[in-house]
N, C-alpha and C. Protein backbone atom coordinates (compact mmCIF):
# COMPACT_ATOMS: atom_id res chain seq x y z
N UNK A 1 -33.44 -19.38 9.57
CA UNK A 1 -32.33 -18.78 8.87
C UNK A 1 -32.89 -17.92 7.74
N UNK A 2 -32.26 -16.75 7.58
CA UNK A 2 -32.73 -15.82 6.56
C UNK A 2 -32.25 -16.25 5.18
N UNK A 3 -33.10 -16.13 4.19
CA UNK A 3 -32.66 -16.48 2.83
C UNK A 3 -31.74 -15.39 2.29
N UNK A 4 -30.74 -15.79 1.53
CA UNK A 4 -29.82 -14.85 0.91
C UNK A 4 -30.31 -14.58 -0.50
N UNK A 5 -30.49 -13.29 -0.78
CA UNK A 5 -30.99 -12.89 -2.10
C UNK A 5 -29.93 -12.02 -2.76
N UNK A 6 -29.48 -12.42 -3.92
CA UNK A 6 -28.52 -11.64 -4.68
C UNK A 6 -29.27 -10.86 -5.75
N UNK A 7 -28.88 -9.60 -5.96
CA UNK A 7 -29.59 -8.80 -6.96
C UNK A 7 -29.32 -9.28 -8.38
N UNK A 8 -30.33 -9.14 -9.21
CA UNK A 8 -30.20 -9.52 -10.62
C UNK A 8 -29.27 -8.54 -11.34
N UNK A 9 -29.43 -7.24 -11.02
CA UNK A 9 -28.63 -6.21 -11.66
C UNK A 9 -27.33 -6.05 -10.86
N UNK A 10 -26.22 -6.38 -11.46
CA UNK A 10 -24.93 -6.34 -10.76
C UNK A 10 -24.46 -4.91 -10.49
N UNK A 11 -25.07 -3.92 -11.10
CA UNK A 11 -24.71 -2.52 -10.84
C UNK A 11 -25.07 -2.10 -9.42
N UNK A 12 -25.94 -2.86 -8.77
CA UNK A 12 -26.32 -2.54 -7.39
C UNK A 12 -25.17 -2.81 -6.42
N UNK A 13 -24.14 -3.51 -6.85
CA UNK A 13 -22.99 -3.77 -6.00
C UNK A 13 -22.03 -2.58 -5.94
N UNK A 14 -22.11 -1.68 -6.90
CA UNK A 14 -21.15 -0.58 -7.01
C UNK A 14 -21.14 0.30 -5.75
N UNK A 15 -22.28 0.77 -5.23
CA UNK A 15 -22.22 1.59 -4.00
C UNK A 15 -21.60 0.85 -2.82
N UNK A 16 -21.86 -0.43 -2.72
CA UNK A 16 -21.27 -1.20 -1.61
C UNK A 16 -19.75 -1.28 -1.75
N UNK A 17 -19.25 -1.49 -2.96
CA UNK A 17 -17.81 -1.55 -3.16
C UNK A 17 -17.15 -0.19 -2.93
N UNK A 18 -17.83 0.88 -3.33
CA UNK A 18 -17.29 2.22 -3.10
C UNK A 18 -17.21 2.49 -1.60
N UNK A 19 -18.24 2.16 -0.86
CA UNK A 19 -18.25 2.34 0.59
C UNK A 19 -17.16 1.50 1.24
N UNK A 20 -17.01 0.28 0.81
CA UNK A 20 -15.98 -0.60 1.34
C UNK A 20 -14.59 -0.02 1.07
N UNK A 21 -14.38 0.50 -0.13
CA UNK A 21 -13.08 1.08 -0.48
C UNK A 21 -12.79 2.31 0.38
N UNK A 22 -13.78 3.15 0.58
CA UNK A 22 -13.59 4.36 1.40
C UNK A 22 -13.21 3.99 2.82
N UNK A 23 -13.94 3.07 3.43
CA UNK A 23 -13.65 2.68 4.81
C UNK A 23 -12.31 1.95 4.92
N UNK A 24 -11.95 1.20 3.90
CA UNK A 24 -10.65 0.52 3.91
C UNK A 24 -9.52 1.54 3.85
N UNK A 25 -9.66 2.55 3.01
CA UNK A 25 -8.64 3.60 2.91
C UNK A 25 -8.51 4.35 4.22
N UNK A 26 -9.65 4.71 4.83
CA UNK A 26 -9.60 5.42 6.11
C UNK A 26 -8.98 4.56 7.21
N UNK A 27 -9.26 3.28 7.22
CA UNK A 27 -8.67 2.39 8.21
C UNK A 27 -7.16 2.29 8.01
N UNK A 28 -6.73 2.18 6.76
CA UNK A 28 -5.30 2.11 6.46
C UNK A 28 -4.60 3.40 6.88
N UNK A 29 -5.20 4.56 6.58
CA UNK A 29 -4.61 5.84 6.95
C UNK A 29 -4.53 5.98 8.48
N UNK A 30 -5.51 5.46 9.18
CA UNK A 30 -5.50 5.51 10.64
C UNK A 30 -4.33 4.70 11.20
N UNK A 31 -4.10 3.53 10.65
CA UNK A 31 -2.98 2.69 11.09
C UNK A 31 -1.66 3.39 10.81
N UNK A 32 -1.51 3.99 9.64
CA UNK A 32 -0.28 4.71 9.29
C UNK A 32 -0.08 5.89 10.23
N UNK A 33 -1.15 6.61 10.54
CA UNK A 33 -1.06 7.75 11.46
C UNK A 33 -0.56 7.30 12.82
N UNK A 34 -1.13 6.24 13.36
CA UNK A 34 -0.73 5.79 14.69
C UNK A 34 0.70 5.24 14.69
N UNK A 35 1.14 4.63 13.61
CA UNK A 35 2.52 4.16 13.53
C UNK A 35 3.48 5.34 13.55
N UNK A 36 3.20 6.37 12.76
CA UNK A 36 4.07 7.55 12.72
C UNK A 36 4.07 8.27 14.07
N UNK A 37 2.90 8.41 14.66
CA UNK A 37 2.78 9.07 15.95
C UNK A 37 3.55 8.30 17.02
N UNK A 38 3.46 6.99 16.99
CA UNK A 38 4.17 6.14 17.94
C UNK A 38 5.68 6.28 17.77
N UNK A 39 6.15 6.33 16.55
CA UNK A 39 7.58 6.48 16.29
C UNK A 39 8.08 7.83 16.81
N UNK A 40 7.30 8.89 16.60
CA UNK A 40 7.69 10.20 17.11
C UNK A 40 7.74 10.22 18.63
N UNK A 41 6.75 9.61 19.27
CA UNK A 41 6.72 9.57 20.73
C UNK A 41 7.88 8.75 21.28
N UNK A 42 8.23 7.67 20.61
CA UNK A 42 9.37 6.86 21.03
C UNK A 42 10.66 7.65 20.93
N UNK A 43 10.81 8.42 19.86
CA UNK A 43 12.01 9.24 19.69
C UNK A 43 12.08 10.31 20.79
N UNK A 44 10.95 10.94 21.11
CA UNK A 44 10.93 11.94 22.19
C UNK A 44 11.31 11.30 23.52
N UNK A 45 10.79 10.11 23.78
CA UNK A 45 11.09 9.42 25.04
C UNK A 45 12.57 9.07 25.12
N UNK A 46 13.17 8.67 24.02
CA UNK A 46 14.59 8.34 24.02
C UNK A 46 15.43 9.59 24.29
N UNK A 47 15.05 10.72 23.71
CA UNK A 47 15.78 11.96 23.96
C UNK A 47 15.68 12.37 25.43
N UNK A 48 14.51 12.24 26.01
CA UNK A 48 14.32 12.57 27.42
C UNK A 48 15.14 11.63 28.30
N UNK A 49 15.15 10.35 27.95
CA UNK A 49 15.92 9.38 28.72
C UNK A 49 17.41 9.70 28.66
N UNK A 50 17.92 10.01 27.48
CA UNK A 50 19.33 10.37 27.34
C UNK A 50 19.66 11.61 28.15
N UNK A 51 18.78 12.59 28.13
CA UNK A 51 18.98 13.82 28.88
C UNK A 51 19.03 13.53 30.39
N UNK A 52 18.10 12.73 30.87
CA UNK A 52 18.07 12.40 32.29
C UNK A 52 19.29 11.59 32.71
N UNK A 53 19.72 10.67 31.86
CA UNK A 53 20.91 9.88 32.19
C UNK A 53 22.17 10.74 32.23
N UNK A 54 22.28 11.70 31.32
CA UNK A 54 23.45 12.58 31.33
C UNK A 54 23.44 13.48 32.56
N UNK A 55 22.25 13.96 32.95
CA UNK A 55 22.16 14.80 34.16
C UNK A 55 22.48 13.97 35.41
N UNK A 56 22.04 12.72 35.43
CA UNK A 56 22.32 11.85 36.55
C UNK A 56 23.82 11.59 36.66
N UNK A 57 24.46 11.38 35.53
CA UNK A 57 25.90 11.14 35.52
C UNK A 57 26.67 12.39 36.01
N UNK A 58 26.21 13.57 35.61
CA UNK A 58 26.84 14.81 36.06
C UNK A 58 26.69 14.98 37.56
N UNK A 59 25.53 14.62 38.10
CA UNK A 59 25.29 14.75 39.54
C UNK A 59 26.16 13.77 40.32
N UNK A 60 26.42 12.60 39.79
CA UNK A 60 27.28 11.63 40.47
C UNK A 60 28.72 12.09 40.49
N UNK A 61 29.15 12.80 39.44
CA UNK A 61 30.52 13.28 39.35
C UNK A 61 30.81 14.36 40.38
N UNK A 62 29.79 15.08 40.80
CA UNK A 62 30.00 16.17 41.77
C UNK A 62 30.18 15.57 43.10
């Protein structure tokens, strides 16, 4: 097992926390992007479904 060594100077943690914050923000933005994109696609699919159902109903009436 590898020994765990913690740095004496706590300032050495700053770059790691900055990197962690950057990747966390990018991950959060990616999730938000996919949620918005999914909602837009769902809305488009509902509009297409309504259009097809109305056309089907018109064809049955003829």
